[in-house]
Amino acid sequence: MDFPNNEATSLTDEEAQRLKPLVAATCSGMAVQEVLLCRTLKYLLVRLSDSYSSKDLEVLLPDYSAMRRAHDGSQVMAVIVTVPGKEDSSYHAFSRFFAPLYGVDEDPVTGSAHTVLGPYWAKHLNTDNLTSKLITFTLSF
């Protein structure tokens, strides 16, 4: 597919402080490697530590109520959480998309997130040909 590019850029120190509670509510204690902001779409891009896999991302349980309380939507309306694919994966990256400020706790089918993820991972993986997968929470017994 051919998506537009929406670049996520570094946070200022002030933004990082202001958005810290939102990141914490989203990531539930998981280690974060990088946080960027796509100002065009008001999407926060959170890359978890590379020690995490798609399975770890799949079981991430954000605190949606805390996410709503943590920010008023003036700067961020949704959060993309991503991890790179591992060497044995057919995907370059995995992600989940949370938008409780839009009234949707998790959106399992969002192309707009990939307009941010594409440029991010293309830069970090040094490739223009990416395969990524948006995953959702799966409860296993």
Protein backbone atom coordinates (compact mmCIF):
# COMPACT_ATOMS: atom_id res chain seq x y z
CA MET A 1 0.00 0.00 0.00
CA ASP A 2 1.10 3.55 -0.57
CA PHE A 3 0.50 5.65 2.55
CA PRO A 4 1.45 9.29 3.16
CA ASN A 5 4.39 9.91 5.48
CA ASN A 6 3.67 11.49 8.86
CA GLU A 7 6.92 11.97 10.69
CA ALA A 8 7.19 11.61 14.45
CA THR A 9 9.78 13.86 16.07
CA SER A 10 11.49 14.13 19.44
CA LEU A 11 9.71 15.59 22.42
CA THR A 12 10.91 18.70 24.14
CA ASP A 13 11.85 18.24 27.80
CA GLU A 14 8.61 19.98 28.77
CA GLU A 15 6.53 17.70 26.52
CA ALA A 16 8.30 14.62 27.88
CA GLN A 17 7.42 15.64 31.44
CA ARG A 18 3.83 16.49 30.58
CA LEU A 19 3.28 13.23 28.65
CA LYS A 20 5.08 10.93 31.12
CA PRO A 21 1.83 9.91 32.91
CA LEU A 22 0.22 9.04 29.56
CA VAL A 23 3.18 6.85 28.60
CA ALA A 24 3.10 5.16 32.01
CA ALA A 25 -0.64 4.47 31.79
CA THR A 26 -0.21 3.03 28.31
CA CYS A 27 2.87 0.87 28.88
CA SER A 28 1.97 -0.66 32.25
CA GLY A 29 5.54 -0.73 33.55
CA MET A 30 7.16 -2.06 30.38
CA ALA A 31 10.55 -0.50 29.59
CA VAL A 32 10.40 2.25 26.97
CA GLN A 33 13.23 2.87 24.53
CA GLU A 34 11.94 5.94 22.71
CA VAL A 35 8.98 8.33 22.69
CA LEU A 36 8.23 10.58 19.72
CA LEU A 37 5.29 12.74 18.68
CA CYS A 38 3.59 13.04 15.32
CA ARG A 39 2.27 16.55 15.71
CA THR A 40 0.27 16.38 12.46
CA LEU A 41 -1.98 13.56 13.72
CA LYS A 42 -1.49 14.06 17.48
CA TYR A 43 -0.17 10.51 17.78
CA LEU A 44 2.42 9.55 20.36
CA LEU A 45 4.83 6.87 19.11
CA VAL A 46 6.22 4.70 21.90
CA ARG A 47 8.91 2.16 21.07
CA LEU A 48 9.30 -0.43 23.77
CA SER A 49 12.70 -1.82 24.67
CA ASP A 50 14.06 -4.14 21.99
CA SER A 51 14.12 -6.91 24.59
CA TYR A 52 10.34 -7.21 24.12
CA SER A 53 8.75 -9.34 21.42
CA SER A 54 5.44 -9.22 19.60
CA LYS A 55 4.10 -11.65 22.23
CA ASP A 56 4.95 -9.15 24.98
CA LEU A 57 3.23 -6.38 23.03
CA GLU A 58 0.22 -8.60 22.48
CA VAL A 59 -0.42 -8.98 26.23
CA LEU A 60 0.18 -5.31 27.10
CA LEU A 61 -2.74 -4.06 29.22
CA PRO A 62 -2.98 -0.27 29.23
CA ASP A 63 -4.98 1.51 31.92
CA TYR A 64 -7.48 3.27 29.67
CA SER A 65 -9.05 5.30 32.48
CA ALA A 66 -5.61 6.54 33.54
CA MET A 67 -4.81 7.33 29.90
CA ARG A 68 -7.92 9.54 29.70
CA ARG A 69 -7.02 11.28 32.97
CA ALA A 70 -3.36 11.72 32.02
CA HIS A 71 -3.89 14.07 29.10
CA ASP A 72 -6.58 16.42 27.84
CA GLY A 73 -6.07 15.69 24.12
CA SER A 74 -4.59 19.09 23.34
CA GLN A 75 -1.33 17.53 22.19
CA VAL A 76 -1.98 13.78 21.92
CA MET A 77 -5.14 11.94 20.91
CA ALA A 78 -3.77 8.42 20.40
CA VAL A 79 -0.77 6.27 21.27
CA ILE A 80 1.04 3.83 18.98
CA VAL A 81 3.15 1.25 20.81
CA THR A 82 5.67 -0.64 18.70
CA VAL A 83 8.43 -3.23 18.84
CA PRO A 84 10.78 -4.39 16.10
CA GLY A 85 10.33 -7.81 14.54
CA LYS A 86 12.87 -10.42 15.54
CA GLU A 87 15.20 -12.13 13.08
CA ASP A 88 12.91 -15.16 12.81
CA SER A 89 9.85 -13.01 12.04
CA SER A 90 8.41 -12.24 8.63
CA TYR A 91 7.56 -8.73 9.90
CA HIS A 92 9.88 -5.77 10.37
CA ALA A 93 7.73 -4.35 13.18
CA PHE A 94 4.64 -4.93 15.28
CA SER A 95 2.34 -2.35 16.81
CA ARG A 96 -0.84 -1.64 18.73
CA PHE A 97 -2.94 1.51 18.55
CA PHE A 98 -4.74 2.99 21.56
CA ALA A 99 -7.16 5.90 21.22
CA PRO A 100 -9.27 6.29 24.38
CA LEU A 101 -9.35 10.07 23.86
CA TYR A 102 -11.21 9.36 20.60
CA GLY A 103 -13.57 7.05 22.49
CA VAL A 104 -11.92 3.86 21.18
CA ASP A 105 -9.74 2.09 23.72
CA GLU A 106 -7.95 0.06 21.05
CA ASP A 107 -8.37 0.25 17.30
CA PRO A 108 -7.46 -3.11 15.70
CA VAL A 109 -7.50 -1.80 12.12
CA THR A 110 -5.90 1.60 11.65
CA GLY A 111 -4.05 2.63 8.52
CA SER A 112 -3.25 6.05 9.94
CA ALA A 113 -0.86 4.53 12.50
CA HIS A 114 1.17 3.09 9.64
CA THR A 115 1.65 6.57 8.16
CA VAL A 116 3.72 7.25 11.28
CA LEU A 117 5.25 3.79 11.70
CA GLY A 118 6.38 3.51 8.08
CA PRO A 119 8.73 6.51 8.11
CA TYR A 120 9.95 5.64 11.61
CA TRP A 121 10.89 2.02 10.88
CA ALA A 122 12.17 2.82 7.36
CA LYS A 123 14.69 5.18 8.94
CA HIS A 124 15.69 2.82 11.76
CA LEU A 125 15.92 -0.28 9.58
CA ASN A 126 17.35 1.52 6.56
CA THR A 127 14.79 0.17 4.11
CA ASP A 128 11.83 1.50 2.16
CA ASN A 129 10.18 -1.90 1.80
CA LEU A 130 8.52 -2.75 5.11
CA THR A 131 6.17 -5.43 6.33
CA SER A 132 4.46 -4.66 9.62
CA LYS A 133 1.60 -6.05 11.62
CA LEU A 134 -0.94 -4.32 13.83
CA ILE A 135 -1.85 -6.76 16.59
CA THR A 136 -4.46 -6.71 19.34
CA PHE A 137 -4.72 -8.12 22.83
CA THR A 138 -5.27 -11.87 22.90
CA LEU A 139 -6.39 -13.68 26.01
CA SER A 140 -5.02 -17.22 26.21
CA PHE A 141 -5.98 -19.99 28.59
